[in-house]
Amino acid sequence: MELNRRSNEMIDVLKNTRKFLNPEDNWNFDFMVEAVQVYGKELYYPANDRAELFLQLTGKKTYSKDELKILQKVGYNVIFKTKTLEEI
């Protein structure tokens, strides 16, 4: 049953990728994450739709530094969101 549920989730995620494959989108490969310090460890949370969509594939809530390096190697622009003065 768990396999079927995960398979259905993957299908849903892949269906949602269609909106990112719109030619009018100019094939935007910006992948935005936000670095957050939690108990002295830096965690990388998704900060845009594309980053959130890829994270759904893993079932995790954060990215590792190695995962971000791999995404960069395959052509994604890994952008780190910074806080504005109002957010501090």
Protein backbone atom coordinates (compact mmCIF):
# COMPACT_ATOMS: atom_id res chain seq x y z
CA MET A 1 0.00 0.00 0.00
CA GLU A 2 2.85 2.38 0.84
CA LEU A 3 4.34 1.86 -2.63
CA ASN A 4 1.04 2.70 -4.32
CA ARG A 5 0.65 5.84 -2.22
CA ARG A 6 4.19 7.00 -3.06
CA SER A 7 3.64 6.18 -6.74
CA ASN A 8 0.47 8.26 -6.79
CA GLU A 9 2.30 11.12 -5.08
CA MET A 10 5.05 10.97 -7.70
CA ILE A 11 2.49 11.04 -10.50
CA ASP A 12 0.87 14.12 -8.95
CA VAL A 13 4.24 15.84 -8.66
CA LEU A 14 5.10 15.07 -12.28
CA LYS A 15 1.74 16.38 -13.45
CA ASN A 16 2.47 19.63 -11.63
CA THR A 17 5.79 19.99 -13.47
CA ARG A 18 3.91 20.72 -16.69
CA LYS A 19 3.35 24.29 -15.58
CA PHE A 20 7.14 24.72 -15.37
CA LEU A 21 7.65 23.45 -18.91
CA ASN A 22 5.74 26.33 -20.46
CA PRO A 23 7.88 27.86 -23.25
CA GLU A 24 6.70 31.32 -22.19
CA ASP A 25 8.51 30.71 -18.90
CA ASN A 26 11.82 31.08 -20.81
CA TRP A 27 12.99 27.87 -19.17
CA ASN A 28 13.67 29.58 -15.88
CA PHE A 29 16.04 27.36 -13.92
CA ASP A 30 16.15 29.45 -10.77
CA PHE A 31 16.08 27.25 -7.71
CA MET A 32 15.69 29.35 -4.56
CA VAL A 33 16.43 28.15 -1.04
CA GLU A 34 16.61 29.84 2.34
CA ALA A 35 19.41 28.93 4.74
CA VAL A 36 18.23 28.72 8.36
CA GLN A 37 20.36 28.03 11.44
CA VAL A 38 18.76 25.41 13.70
CA TYR A 39 20.72 24.35 16.79
CA GLY A 40 23.97 25.36 15.10
CA LYS A 41 23.23 23.40 11.93
CA GLU A 42 22.45 25.12 8.64
CA LEU A 43 19.30 23.81 6.95
CA TYR A 44 18.18 24.72 3.44
CA TYR A 45 14.44 25.20 2.99
CA PRO A 46 12.74 25.66 -0.40
CA ALA A 47 11.89 29.29 -1.17
CA ASN A 48 10.13 29.04 -4.54
CA ASP A 49 7.72 26.69 -6.32
CA ARG A 50 10.41 24.82 -8.23
CA ALA A 51 12.44 24.10 -5.10
CA GLU A 52 9.28 22.96 -3.30
CA LEU A 53 8.33 20.69 -6.19
CA PHE A 54 11.70 18.92 -6.25
CA LEU A 55 11.60 18.47 -2.50
CA GLN A 56 8.28 16.64 -2.85
CA LEU A 57 10.17 13.95 -4.77
CA THR A 58 12.35 13.23 -1.76
CA GLY A 59 9.71 13.38 0.96
CA LYS A 60 12.04 15.61 2.99
CA LYS A 61 11.55 19.13 4.31
CA THR A 62 15.06 20.46 3.65
CA TYR A 63 17.93 20.07 1.19
CA SER A 64 21.46 19.06 2.04
CA LYS A 65 24.43 21.04 0.77
CA ASP A 66 25.39 18.07 -1.43
CA GLU A 67 21.92 17.98 -3.02
CA LEU A 68 22.18 21.68 -3.86
CA LYS A 69 25.60 21.10 -5.43
CA ILE A 70 24.13 18.34 -7.62
CA LEU A 71 21.24 20.56 -8.71
CA GLN A 72 23.77 23.22 -9.65
CA LYS A 73 25.81 20.69 -11.66
CA VAL A 74 22.76 19.72 -13.74
CA GLY A 75 22.10 23.33 -14.67
CA TYR A 76 19.91 24.90 -12.00
CA ASN A 77 20.76 28.35 -10.66
CA VAL A 78 20.80 27.80 -6.90
CA ILE A 79 19.89 31.15 -5.36
CA PHE A 80 19.95 31.82 -1.63
CA LYS A 81 17.13 33.99 -0.38
CA THR A 82 18.27 36.68 2.02
CA LYS A 83 16.26 38.47 4.65
CA THR A 84 15.30 42.08 4.21
CA LEU A 85 15.61 44.58 7.02
CA GLU A 86 11.86 44.29 7.67
CA GLU A 87 12.16 40.52 8.13
CA ILE A 88 14.90 40.76 10.78
